[in-house]
Amino acid sequence: MNYAEIYEKTGGKIRSHPEAVTAVKAADRFLTAVFYLVYPLTIGYGFWMHLSYRYFLILVPGISFVVVSAFRHLVNRRRPYEASGITPLWHKDTRGHSFPSRHVFSSAIIAMTLCRIHLPSGMLLLVLSGVEGVIRVIAGVHYPSDVTAGWIIGVLCGFMYWL
């Protein structure tokens, strides 16, 4: 069974229910908003509390993001809708730069940043980052290996806080 057949068994079923497509897209946007709200709040908290590692709350994700972006550019993997002829759940016209998923990497490194300050909240965000990865695969905008690699790289980069 090829990727297009596997995708049609998941995304195809969702696509036949417009309310399900709307719900998946809303969940993707909601989770993205959560992560991009949590990150500046986490940095603000670190500076407000004068945490000794407060500058690392910016440096670790920032440097990691640049390195992942450069690697992504070099690899330039085609997206599932380019390579497999599938139709994603929502319109996407991005070409290439699929591996690793920077979206999932970003959510994982943000979760790890919060883990450094408050482990239970950060762990919850790590789970939500995984959910975000599943959504991106179901939507047909990333392969499972894209989001898995993005999540693992985000977690590994996050361990720099404890070195």
Protein backbone atom coordinates (compact mmCIF):
# COMPACT_ATOMS: atom_id res chain seq x y z
CA MET A 1 0.00 0.00 0.00
CA ASN A 2 1.46 3.39 -0.98
CA TYR A 3 1.23 6.68 0.91
CA ALA A 4 -1.68 8.01 -1.19
CA GLU A 5 -3.78 4.92 -0.34
CA ILE A 6 -2.95 5.19 3.36
CA TYR A 7 -3.76 8.91 3.36
CA GLU A 8 -7.12 8.34 1.67
CA LYS A 9 -8.10 5.97 4.48
CA THR A 10 -7.67 8.78 7.02
CA GLY A 11 -7.84 12.16 5.32
CA GLY A 12 -10.31 10.90 2.72
CA LYS A 13 -12.83 9.91 5.36
CA ILE A 14 -12.49 13.26 7.10
CA ARG A 15 -12.73 15.15 3.80
CA SER A 16 -16.16 13.64 3.15
CA HIS A 17 -17.46 15.40 6.29
CA PRO A 18 -17.05 19.20 5.98
CA GLU A 19 -17.67 19.70 9.69
CA ALA A 20 -14.82 17.30 10.47
CA VAL A 21 -12.48 19.24 8.16
CA THR A 22 -13.50 22.45 9.92
CA ALA A 23 -12.86 20.85 13.32
CA VAL A 24 -9.40 19.55 12.32
CA LYS A 25 -8.40 22.93 10.91
CA ALA A 26 -9.75 24.72 14.00
CA ALA A 27 -7.78 22.36 16.26
CA ASP A 28 -4.62 23.06 14.24
CA ARG A 29 -5.09 26.82 14.51
CA PHE A 30 -6.03 26.64 18.19
CA LEU A 31 -2.95 24.60 19.13
CA THR A 32 -0.70 26.89 17.09
CA ALA A 33 -2.16 29.90 18.92
CA VAL A 34 -1.64 28.22 22.30
CA PHE A 35 2.05 27.61 21.61
CA TYR A 36 2.67 31.08 20.25
CA LEU A 37 0.94 32.61 23.25
CA VAL A 38 2.72 30.43 25.81
CA TYR A 39 6.22 31.16 24.50
CA PRO A 40 6.31 34.95 25.10
CA LEU A 41 4.55 34.44 28.44
CA THR A 42 7.24 31.93 29.42
CA ILE A 43 10.02 34.33 28.44
CA GLY A 44 8.28 37.18 30.26
CA TYR A 45 7.96 35.06 33.38
CA GLY A 46 11.64 34.12 33.23
CA PHE A 47 12.70 37.75 33.04
CA TRP A 48 10.14 38.91 35.62
CA MET A 49 11.41 36.29 38.09
CA HIS A 50 15.06 37.06 37.18
CA LEU A 51 15.74 33.39 36.54
CA SER A 52 19.44 32.73 36.13
CA TYR A 53 18.82 31.00 32.78
CA ARG A 54 16.36 33.60 31.43
CA TYR A 55 18.48 34.44 28.38
CA PHE A 56 18.61 30.77 27.45
CA LEU A 57 14.81 30.85 27.15
CA ILE A 58 15.41 32.91 24.01
CA LEU A 59 18.77 31.53 22.85
CA VAL A 60 18.00 27.79 22.94
CA PRO A 61 14.83 27.97 20.81
CA GLY A 62 16.22 30.74 18.61
CA ILE A 63 19.48 29.02 17.68
CA SER A 64 17.70 25.67 17.32
CA PHE A 65 15.10 27.23 15.02
CA VAL A 66 17.80 28.69 12.76
CA VAL A 67 19.67 25.36 12.58
CA VAL A 68 16.48 23.37 11.86
CA SER A 69 15.45 25.90 9.19
CA ALA A 70 18.85 25.66 7.48
CA PHE A 71 18.73 21.85 7.59
CA ARG A 72 15.20 21.87 6.18
CA HIS A 73 16.35 24.11 3.36
CA LEU A 74 19.21 21.75 2.50
CA VAL A 75 17.02 18.63 2.57
CA ASN A 76 14.11 20.35 0.79
CA ARG A 77 11.84 17.31 0.95
CA ARG A 78 8.67 17.57 -1.09
CA ARG A 79 5.38 17.69 0.78
CA PRO A 80 2.89 14.81 0.58
CA TYR A 81 0.52 16.74 -1.68
CA GLU A 82 3.40 17.45 -4.08
CA ALA A 83 4.93 13.98 -4.17
CA SER A 84 1.91 11.69 -3.75
CA GLY A 85 -0.80 13.59 -5.59
CA ILE A 86 -3.08 13.74 -2.56
CA THR A 87 -5.36 16.65 -1.79
CA PRO A 88 -4.71 18.11 1.67
CA LEU A 89 -7.68 18.89 3.91
CA TRP A 90 -7.11 22.62 3.45
CA HIS A 91 -5.42 24.67 0.76
CA LYS A 92 -1.63 24.65 0.97
CA ASP A 93 0.69 25.93 -1.70
CA THR A 94 4.00 25.64 0.15
CA ARG A 95 6.55 23.77 -1.93
CA GLY A 96 9.22 21.59 -0.36
CA HIS A 97 10.78 22.16 3.04
CA SER A 98 8.71 19.40 4.61
CA PHE A 99 11.38 17.59 6.65
CA PRO A 100 11.49 18.06 9.55
CA SER A 101 8.22 19.76 10.39
CA ARG A 102 9.22 23.17 11.71
CA HIS A 103 5.69 23.62 13.02
CA VAL A 104 5.99 20.58 15.28
CA PHE A 105 9.64 21.34 16.10
CA SER A 106 8.59 24.81 17.29
CA SER A 107 5.79 23.49 19.47
CA ALA A 108 8.10 20.84 20.99
CA ILE A 109 10.90 23.33 21.79
CA ILE A 110 8.33 25.72 23.29
CA ALA A 111 7.02 22.85 25.43
CA MET A 112 10.57 22.03 26.54
CA THR A 113 11.13 25.69 27.37
CA LEU A 114 8.10 25.59 29.63
CA CYS A 115 9.32 22.27 31.10
CA ARG A 116 12.39 24.13 32.34
CA ILE A 117 10.15 26.43 34.39
CA HIS A 118 7.15 24.22 35.23
CA LEU A 119 7.52 20.54 34.35
CA PRO A 120 3.84 19.47 34.54
CA SER A 121 2.69 22.29 32.23
CA GLY A 122 5.55 21.62 29.85
CA MET A 123 4.73 17.91 29.72
CA LEU A 124 1.12 18.74 28.87
CA LEU A 125 2.36 20.93 26.04
CA LEU A 126 4.63 18.12 24.80
CA VAL A 127 1.56 15.90 24.50
CA LEU A 128 -0.30 18.69 22.68
CA SER A 129 2.70 19.07 20.39
CA GLY A 130 2.29 15.40 19.48
CA VAL A 131 -1.40 15.99 18.83
CA GLU A 132 -0.47 18.88 16.57
CA GLY A 133 1.82 16.52 14.65
CA VAL A 134 -0.99 14.01 14.18
CA ILE A 135 -3.23 16.79 12.88
CA ARG A 136 -0.58 17.87 10.36
CA VAL A 137 -0.33 14.29 9.06
CA ILE A 138 -4.11 13.80 8.91
CA ALA A 139 -4.37 17.11 7.03
CA GLY A 140 -1.90 15.83 4.42
CA VAL A 141 0.60 18.65 4.84
CA HIS A 142 3.38 16.50 6.36
CA TYR A 143 4.50 12.90 6.33
CA PRO A 144 4.59 11.04 9.67
CA SER A 145 8.41 11.07 9.50
CA ASP A 146 8.37 14.90 9.14
CA VAL A 147 6.43 15.45 12.34
CA THR A 148 8.21 12.68 14.26
CA ALA A 149 11.60 14.15 13.38
CA GLY A 150 10.40 17.67 14.23
CA TRP A 151 9.12 16.52 17.63
CA ILE A 152 12.25 14.53 18.49
CA ILE A 153 14.60 17.34 17.42
CA GLY A 154 12.56 19.85 19.47
CA VAL A 155 12.75 17.64 22.56
CA LEU A 156 16.47 16.94 22.12
CA CYS A 157 17.24 20.63 21.63
CA GLY A 158 15.19 21.34 24.74
CA PHE A 159 17.50 19.18 26.82
CA MET A 160 20.14 21.90 26.36
CA TYR A 161 18.41 23.69 29.26
CA TRP A 162 19.72 21.04 31.63
CA LEU A 163 23.33 20.89 30.39
